[in-house]
Amino acid sequence: MTTVIFTSQAAKDFDALSKPARIAIAKALDDYAMKGEGDIKKLSGRDGYRLRIGAYRVIFSEDATTILAIYVGRRTTTTY
């Protein structure tokens, strides 16, 4: 099992989302942490990965025991 940790900015972004979006993102993060499942892609041009949940994205880095969520929000042209 992998632990999911939010940076302070990612936690603020997450809290500002609608309740259905927060539920979907939390479920997707849990699925990835527990089962390794999800729409994951390695970022090009910078370190990290992105998890796609519909119109939302979670930008994160990970090691063997921790997923560090750096950004949580709607996909826009400035997300990456």
C-alpha atoms as a PDB file:
ATOM      1  CA  MET A   1       0.000   0.000   0.000  1.00  0.00           C
ATOM      2  CA  THR A   2       1.158   3.489  -0.851  1.00  0.00           C
ATOM      3  CA  THR A   3       0.468   6.594   1.254  1.00  0.00           C
ATOM      4  CA  VAL A   4      -1.034   9.657  -0.473  1.00  0.00           C
ATOM      5  CA  ILE A   5       0.181  13.050   0.773  1.00  0.00           C
ATOM      6  CA  PHE A   6      -0.958  16.467  -0.484  1.00  0.00           C
ATOM      7  CA  THR A   7       1.248  19.548  -0.544  1.00  0.00           C
ATOM      8  CA  SER A   8      -0.377  22.496   1.209  1.00  0.00           C
ATOM      9  CA  GLN A   9      -1.293  24.088  -2.139  1.00  0.00           C
ATOM     10  CA  ALA A  10      -2.720  20.822  -3.508  1.00  0.00           C
ATOM     11  CA  ALA A  11      -4.811  20.433  -0.332  1.00  0.00           C
ATOM     12  CA  LYS A  12      -6.209  23.972  -0.796  1.00  0.00           C
ATOM     13  CA  ASP A  13      -6.963  23.238  -4.463  1.00  0.00           C
ATOM     14  CA  PHE A  14      -8.644  19.950  -3.504  1.00  0.00           C
ATOM     15  CA  ASP A  15     -10.777  21.585  -0.796  1.00  0.00           C
ATOM     16  CA  ALA A  16     -11.954  24.265  -3.256  1.00  0.00           C
ATOM     17  CA  LEU A  17     -13.438  21.683  -5.654  1.00  0.00           C
ATOM     18  CA  SER A  18     -17.071  20.594  -5.679  1.00  0.00           C
ATOM     19  CA  LYS A  19     -18.007  17.608  -3.535  1.00  0.00           C
ATOM     20  CA  PRO A  20     -18.570  15.238  -6.513  1.00  0.00           C
ATOM     21  CA  ALA A  21     -15.148  16.190  -7.929  1.00  0.00           C
ATOM     22  CA  ARG A  22     -13.445  15.612  -4.558  1.00  0.00           C
ATOM     23  CA  ILE A  23     -15.103  12.184  -4.257  1.00  0.00           C
ATOM     24  CA  ALA A  24     -14.035  11.164  -7.779  1.00  0.00           C
ATOM     25  CA  ILE A  25     -10.459  12.358  -7.244  1.00  0.00           C
ATOM     26  CA  ALA A  26     -10.165  10.673  -3.842  1.00  0.00           C
ATOM     27  CA  LYS A  27     -11.459   7.400  -5.306  1.00  0.00           C
ATOM     28  CA  ALA A  28      -9.033   7.603  -8.246  1.00  0.00           C
ATOM     29  CA  LEU A  29      -6.090   8.294  -5.911  1.00  0.00           C
ATOM     30  CA  ASP A  30      -7.126   5.387  -3.668  1.00  0.00           C
ATOM     31  CA  ASP A  31      -7.426   3.054  -6.671  1.00  0.00           C
ATOM     32  CA  TYR A  32      -3.967   4.053  -7.859  1.00  0.00           C
ATOM     33  CA  ALA A  33      -2.415   3.765  -4.394  1.00  0.00           C
ATOM     34  CA  MET A  34      -4.005   0.374  -3.641  1.00  0.00           C
ATOM     35  CA  LYS A  35      -4.143  -1.339  -7.046  1.00  0.00           C
ATOM     36  CA  GLY A  36      -1.906   0.689  -9.354  1.00  0.00           C
ATOM     37  CA  GLU A  37      -4.911   1.412 -11.587  1.00  0.00           C
ATOM     38  CA  GLY A  38      -5.718   4.689 -13.279  1.00  0.00           C
ATOM     39  CA  ASP A  39      -5.084   6.865 -16.305  1.00  0.00           C
ATOM     40  CA  ILE A  40      -1.452   7.691 -15.488  1.00  0.00           C
ATOM     41  CA  LYS A  41       1.061   9.293 -17.808  1.00  0.00           C
ATOM     42  CA  LYS A  42       4.666  10.345 -17.186  1.00  0.00           C
ATOM     43  CA  LEU A  43       5.109  14.072 -17.752  1.00  0.00           C
ATOM     44  CA  SER A  44       7.507  15.217 -20.441  1.00  0.00           C
ATOM     45  CA  GLY A  45       9.675  18.230 -19.780  1.00  0.00           C
ATOM     46  CA  ARG A  46       9.441  17.919 -15.996  1.00  0.00           C
ATOM     47  CA  ASP A  47       9.545  15.274 -13.307  1.00  0.00           C
ATOM     48  CA  GLY A  48       6.371  13.600 -12.181  1.00  0.00           C
ATOM     49  CA  TYR A  49       3.194  12.009 -13.418  1.00  0.00           C
ATOM     50  CA  ARG A  50      -0.388  13.002 -14.043  1.00  0.00           C
ATOM     51  CA  LEU A  51      -3.544  11.164 -13.081  1.00  0.00           C
ATOM     52  CA  ARG A  52      -6.536  11.999 -15.272  1.00  0.00           C
ATOM     53  CA  ILE A  53     -10.008  11.918 -13.735  1.00  0.00           C
ATOM     54  CA  GLY A  54     -12.414  13.250 -16.378  1.00  0.00           C
ATOM     55  CA  ALA A  55     -11.785  16.993 -16.666  1.00  0.00           C
ATOM     56  CA  TYR A  56      -9.568  16.995 -13.561  1.00  0.00           C
ATOM     57  CA  ARG A  57      -5.870  16.291 -13.190  1.00  0.00           C
ATOM     58  CA  VAL A  58      -3.618  15.396 -10.286  1.00  0.00           C
ATOM     59  CA  ILE A  59       0.057  16.126 -10.846  1.00  0.00           C
ATOM     60  CA  PHE A  60       2.171  14.008  -8.513  1.00  0.00           C
ATOM     61  CA  SER A  61       5.530  12.435  -7.824  1.00  0.00           C
ATOM     62  CA  GLU A  62       6.033   9.098  -6.154  1.00  0.00           C
ATOM     63  CA  ASP A  63       8.543   6.792  -4.573  1.00  0.00           C
ATOM     64  CA  ALA A  64       8.147   3.237  -3.272  1.00  0.00           C
ATOM     65  CA  THR A  65       5.921   4.200  -0.329  1.00  0.00           C
ATOM     66  CA  THR A  66       4.520   7.694  -1.007  1.00  0.00           C
ATOM     67  CA  ILE A  67       2.483   9.543  -3.623  1.00  0.00           C
ATOM     68  CA  LEU A  68       2.981  13.316  -3.259  1.00  0.00           C
ATOM     69  CA  ALA A  69       0.121  15.261  -4.896  1.00  0.00           C
ATOM     70  CA  ILE A  70       1.521  18.576  -6.132  1.00  0.00           C
ATOM     71  CA  TYR A  71      -1.456  19.973  -8.072  1.00  0.00           C
ATOM     72  CA  VAL A  72      -5.155  19.104  -8.096  1.00  0.00           C
ATOM     73  CA  GLY A  73      -7.597  20.867 -10.394  1.00  0.00           C
ATOM     74  CA  ARG A  74      -9.404  21.211 -13.684  1.00  0.00           C
ATOM     75  CA  ARG A  75      -7.449  20.612 -16.858  1.00  0.00           C
ATOM     76  CA  THR A  76      -6.566  23.893 -18.528  1.00  0.00           C
ATOM     77  CA  THR A  77      -3.879  24.954 -20.968  1.00  0.00           C
ATOM     78  CA  THR A  78      -1.726  26.044 -18.003  1.00  0.00           C
ATOM     79  CA  THR A  79      -2.115  22.831 -15.970  1.00  0.00           C
ATOM     80  CA  TYR A  80       1.164  21.377 -17.178  1.00  0.00           C
END
